[in-house]
Amino acid sequence: MSNDGKPPKVGTSQWKKNEKMIATNPVLRAARDTAQGFRASSGITTGGDVSPEYKSNYDKIVWTKREEAEKPKFRTKVNGKYTDED
């Protein structure tokens, strides 16, 4: 089936194949990004342009941790008897 040089419609099987190939190749990914008006990136998005305000207040960030929940207790059987029973 000829598409006369038009790109496949979004969601079709050919479009999915194309997107999969583009996602694995950084050169194709950069070409697609520039064609869609995005700036091609190296794939690394951390670091670099950090504001001075963020840098000066970084140590004031309150990092939260999950409260450690009690681990589930499992009973094991050996020779037909539970190991926690006497």
N, C-alpha and C. Protein backbone atom coordinates (compact mmCIF):
# COMPACT_ATOMS: atom_id res chain seq x y z
N MET A 1 0.83 -1.17 0.00
CA MET A 1 0.00 0.00 0.00
C MET A 1 0.88 1.24 0.00
N SER A 2 0.70 2.08 -0.98
CA SER A 2 1.50 3.27 -1.11
C SER A 2 0.84 4.43 -0.38
N ASN A 3 1.66 5.21 0.24
CA ASN A 3 1.14 6.34 1.00
C ASN A 3 1.51 7.66 0.34
N ASP A 4 2.09 7.59 -0.87
CA ASP A 4 2.45 8.77 -1.67
C ASP A 4 3.32 9.76 -0.91
N GLY A 5 4.27 9.27 -0.10
CA GLY A 5 5.21 10.13 0.61
C GLY A 5 4.66 10.78 1.86
N LYS A 6 3.45 10.44 2.23
CA LYS A 6 2.87 11.01 3.45
C LYS A 6 3.25 10.14 4.64
N PRO A 7 3.43 10.74 5.79
CA PRO A 7 3.74 9.91 6.97
C PRO A 7 2.51 9.09 7.37
N PRO A 8 2.72 7.96 8.01
CA PRO A 8 1.57 7.15 8.42
C PRO A 8 0.78 7.83 9.52
N LYS A 9 -0.49 7.49 9.61
CA LYS A 9 -1.34 8.08 10.64
C LYS A 9 -0.91 7.59 12.01
N VAL A 10 -1.07 8.46 13.00
CA VAL A 10 -0.67 8.13 14.37
C VAL A 10 -1.51 6.96 14.88
N GLY A 11 -0.82 5.97 15.45
CA GLY A 11 -1.51 4.82 16.03
C GLY A 11 -1.56 3.61 15.12
N THR A 12 -1.23 3.78 13.83
CA THR A 12 -1.26 2.62 12.94
C THR A 12 -0.04 1.75 13.21
N SER A 13 -0.06 0.53 12.71
CA SER A 13 1.04 -0.39 12.96
C SER A 13 2.34 0.12 12.33
N GLN A 14 2.25 0.74 11.15
CA GLN A 14 3.46 1.29 10.53
C GLN A 14 4.02 2.43 11.35
N TRP A 15 3.17 3.28 11.90
CA TRP A 15 3.62 4.38 12.74
C TRP A 15 4.34 3.85 13.98
N LYS A 16 3.79 2.78 14.58
CA LYS A 16 4.41 2.18 15.77
C LYS A 16 5.79 1.61 15.44
N LYS A 17 5.91 0.96 14.27
CA LYS A 17 7.21 0.43 13.84
C LYS A 17 8.22 1.56 13.66
N ASN A 18 7.77 2.64 13.02
CA ASN A 18 8.65 3.78 12.80
C ASN A 18 9.11 4.40 14.11
N GLU A 19 8.17 4.57 15.05
CA GLU A 19 8.51 5.18 16.33
C GLU A 19 9.47 4.30 17.12
N LYS A 20 9.30 2.98 17.01
CA LYS A 20 10.20 2.07 17.71
C LYS A 20 11.61 2.20 17.15
N MET A 21 11.73 2.31 15.83
CA MET A 21 13.04 2.44 15.20
C MET A 21 13.66 3.79 15.55
N ILE A 22 12.86 4.84 15.56
CA ILE A 22 13.36 6.17 15.89
C ILE A 22 13.84 6.22 17.34
N ALA A 23 13.12 5.55 18.24
CA ALA A 23 13.47 5.57 19.65
C ALA A 23 14.80 4.88 19.92
N THR A 24 15.18 3.92 19.09
CA THR A 24 16.43 3.20 19.33
C THR A 24 17.63 3.85 18.66
N ASN A 25 17.41 4.80 17.78
CA ASN A 25 18.51 5.41 17.04
C ASN A 25 18.60 6.89 17.39
N PRO A 26 19.69 7.33 18.04
CA PRO A 26 19.79 8.73 18.45
C PRO A 26 19.84 9.72 17.28
N VAL A 27 20.37 9.31 16.15
CA VAL A 27 20.42 10.21 14.98
C VAL A 27 19.00 10.46 14.46
N LEU A 28 18.23 9.40 14.34
CA LEU A 28 16.84 9.56 13.89
C LEU A 28 16.01 10.34 14.90
N ARG A 29 16.28 10.10 16.19
CA ARG A 29 15.54 10.81 17.24
C ARG A 29 15.83 12.31 17.16
N ALA A 30 17.08 12.68 16.93
CA ALA A 30 17.45 14.09 16.81
C ALA A 30 16.81 14.71 15.57
N ALA A 31 16.78 13.95 14.47
CA ALA A 31 16.16 14.47 13.23
C ALA A 31 14.67 14.68 13.43
N ARG A 32 14.00 13.75 14.10
CA ARG A 32 12.58 13.91 14.34
C ARG A 32 12.31 15.11 15.23
N ASP A 33 13.12 15.28 16.27
CA ASP A 33 12.92 16.40 17.19
C ASP A 33 13.07 17.73 16.47
N THR A 34 14.08 17.86 15.62
CA THR A 34 14.26 19.12 14.89
C THR A 34 13.13 19.34 13.89
N ALA A 35 12.63 18.26 13.29
CA ALA A 35 11.52 18.39 12.34
C ALA A 35 10.24 18.82 13.04
N GLN A 36 10.08 18.43 14.30
CA GLN A 36 8.88 18.79 15.05
C GLN A 36 9.05 20.10 15.81
N GLY A 37 10.21 20.74 15.66
CA GLY A 37 10.43 22.04 16.28
C GLY A 37 11.05 21.99 17.65
N PHE A 38 11.51 20.81 18.08
CA PHE A 38 12.17 20.70 19.37
C PHE A 38 13.67 20.79 19.16
N ARG A 39 14.37 21.14 20.23
CA ARG A 39 15.82 21.16 20.18
C ARG A 39 16.31 19.75 20.45
N ALA A 40 17.17 19.25 19.60
CA ALA A 40 17.71 17.91 19.80
C ALA A 40 18.55 17.89 21.06
N SER A 41 18.37 16.87 21.88
CA SER A 41 19.12 16.79 23.12
C SER A 41 19.96 15.53 23.14
N SER A 42 20.88 15.48 24.06
CA SER A 42 21.75 14.32 24.16
C SER A 42 21.08 13.19 24.92
N GLY A 43 19.94 13.44 25.50
CA GLY A 43 19.26 12.43 26.30
C GLY A 43 19.52 12.59 27.78
N ILE A 44 20.53 13.39 28.14
CA ILE A 44 20.82 13.65 29.55
C ILE A 44 20.13 14.95 29.93
N THR A 45 19.24 14.88 30.89
CA THR A 45 18.44 16.06 31.22
C THR A 45 18.76 16.62 32.60
N THR A 46 19.68 16.03 33.33
CA THR A 46 19.98 16.53 34.66
C THR A 46 21.20 17.43 34.63
N GLY A 47 21.32 18.26 35.64
CA GLY A 47 22.48 19.13 35.75
C GLY A 47 22.40 20.29 34.78
N GLY A 48 23.52 20.96 34.59
CA GLY A 48 23.56 22.03 33.60
C GLY A 48 22.93 23.31 34.09
N ASP A 49 21.82 23.71 33.49
CA ASP A 49 21.19 24.99 33.75
C ASP A 49 20.42 24.96 35.08
N VAL A 50 21.12 25.20 36.16
CA VAL A 50 20.49 25.25 37.48
C VAL A 50 20.58 26.67 37.97
N SER A 51 19.45 27.20 38.43
CA SER A 51 19.44 28.59 38.85
C SER A 51 20.26 28.77 40.13
N PRO A 52 20.81 29.96 40.32
CA PRO A 52 21.58 30.23 41.54
C PRO A 52 20.71 30.12 42.79
N GLU A 53 19.42 30.47 42.65
CA GLU A 53 18.50 30.37 43.79
C GLU A 53 18.35 28.91 44.22
N TYR A 54 18.25 28.01 43.25
CA TYR A 54 18.15 26.58 43.57
C TYR A 54 19.42 26.09 44.24
N LYS A 55 20.57 26.52 43.73
CA LYS A 55 21.83 26.09 44.31
C LYS A 55 21.98 26.58 45.75
N SER A 56 21.59 27.83 46.00
CA SER A 56 21.76 28.38 47.35
C SER A 56 20.79 27.78 48.35
N ASN A 57 19.65 27.30 47.90
CA ASN A 57 18.64 26.74 48.82
C ASN A 57 18.56 25.23 48.78
N TYR A 58 19.49 24.57 48.11
CA TYR A 58 19.44 23.12 47.98
C TYR A 58 19.48 22.42 49.33
N ASP A 59 20.29 22.92 50.25
CA ASP A 59 20.42 22.27 51.54
C ASP A 59 19.18 22.46 52.41
N LYS A 60 18.25 23.33 52.02
CA LYS A 60 17.03 23.55 52.79
C LYS A 60 15.88 22.63 52.37
N ILE A 61 16.10 21.84 51.33
CA ILE A 61 15.06 20.93 50.86
C ILE A 61 14.85 19.84 51.89
N VAL A 62 13.60 19.60 52.21
CA VAL A 62 13.27 18.54 53.17
C VAL A 62 12.99 17.28 52.38
N TRP A 63 13.92 16.33 52.45
CA TRP A 63 13.76 15.07 51.73
C TRP A 63 12.99 14.12 52.63
N THR A 64 11.90 13.60 52.13
CA THR A 64 11.07 12.72 52.94
C THR A 64 11.37 11.27 52.62
N LYS A 65 11.19 10.45 53.61
CA LYS A 65 11.34 9.02 53.42
C LYS A 65 10.04 8.36 53.86
N ARG A 66 9.77 7.23 53.27
CA ARG A 66 8.59 6.48 53.69
C ARG A 66 8.85 5.88 55.07
N GLU A 67 7.81 5.84 55.85
CA GLU A 67 7.94 5.18 57.13
C GLU A 67 8.04 3.68 56.87
N GLU A 68 8.97 3.07 57.57
CA GLU A 68 9.16 1.65 57.34
C GLU A 68 8.00 0.87 57.96
N ALA A 69 7.32 0.14 57.12
CA ALA A 69 6.19 -0.67 57.58
C ALA A 69 6.73 -1.99 58.12
N GLU A 70 5.94 -2.60 58.99
CA GLU A 70 6.35 -3.88 59.53
C GLU A 70 6.29 -4.93 58.42
N LYS A 71 7.32 -5.74 58.36
CA LYS A 71 7.37 -6.76 57.32
C LYS A 71 6.35 -7.86 57.63
N PRO A 72 5.76 -8.42 56.59
CA PRO A 72 4.81 -9.51 56.83
C PRO A 72 5.53 -10.73 57.39
N LYS A 73 4.83 -11.41 58.25
CA LYS A 73 5.42 -12.61 58.86
C LYS A 73 4.85 -13.83 58.15
N PHE A 74 5.74 -14.66 57.66
CA PHE A 74 5.33 -15.87 56.96
C PHE A 74 5.60 -17.08 57.85
N ARG A 75 4.69 -18.00 57.82
CA ARG A 75 4.87 -19.23 58.58
C ARG A 75 5.36 -20.31 57.63
N THR A 76 6.34 -21.06 58.07
CA THR A 76 6.87 -22.14 57.24
C THR A 76 6.58 -23.47 57.90
N LYS A 77 6.35 -24.46 57.06
CA LYS A 77 6.06 -25.81 57.54
C LYS A 77 7.23 -26.72 57.20
N VAL A 78 7.65 -27.52 58.18
CA VAL A 78 8.67 -28.52 57.96
C VAL A 78 8.12 -29.83 58.50
N ASN A 79 8.05 -30.81 57.64
CA ASN A 79 7.51 -32.14 58.00
C ASN A 79 6.11 -32.05 58.62
N GLY A 80 5.29 -31.17 58.07
CA GLY A 80 3.90 -31.07 58.53
C GLY A 80 3.69 -30.25 59.76
N LYS A 81 4.74 -29.66 60.36
CA LYS A 81 4.59 -28.82 61.54
C LYS A 81 5.15 -27.43 61.27
N TYR A 82 4.48 -26.42 61.82
CA TYR A 82 4.97 -25.07 61.67
C TYR A 82 6.23 -24.88 62.50
N THR A 83 7.17 -24.11 61.99
CA THR A 83 8.46 -23.95 62.68
C THR A 83 8.34 -23.06 63.91
N ASP A 84 7.31 -22.21 63.98
CA ASP A 84 7.19 -21.32 65.13
C ASP A 84 6.41 -21.97 66.29
N GLU A 85 5.93 -23.17 66.12
CA GLU A 85 5.23 -23.89 67.19
C GLU A 85 6.19 -24.88 67.85
N ASP A 86 6.01 -25.08 69.13
CA ASP A 86 6.84 -26.05 69.84
C ASP A 86 6.06 -27.30 70.14
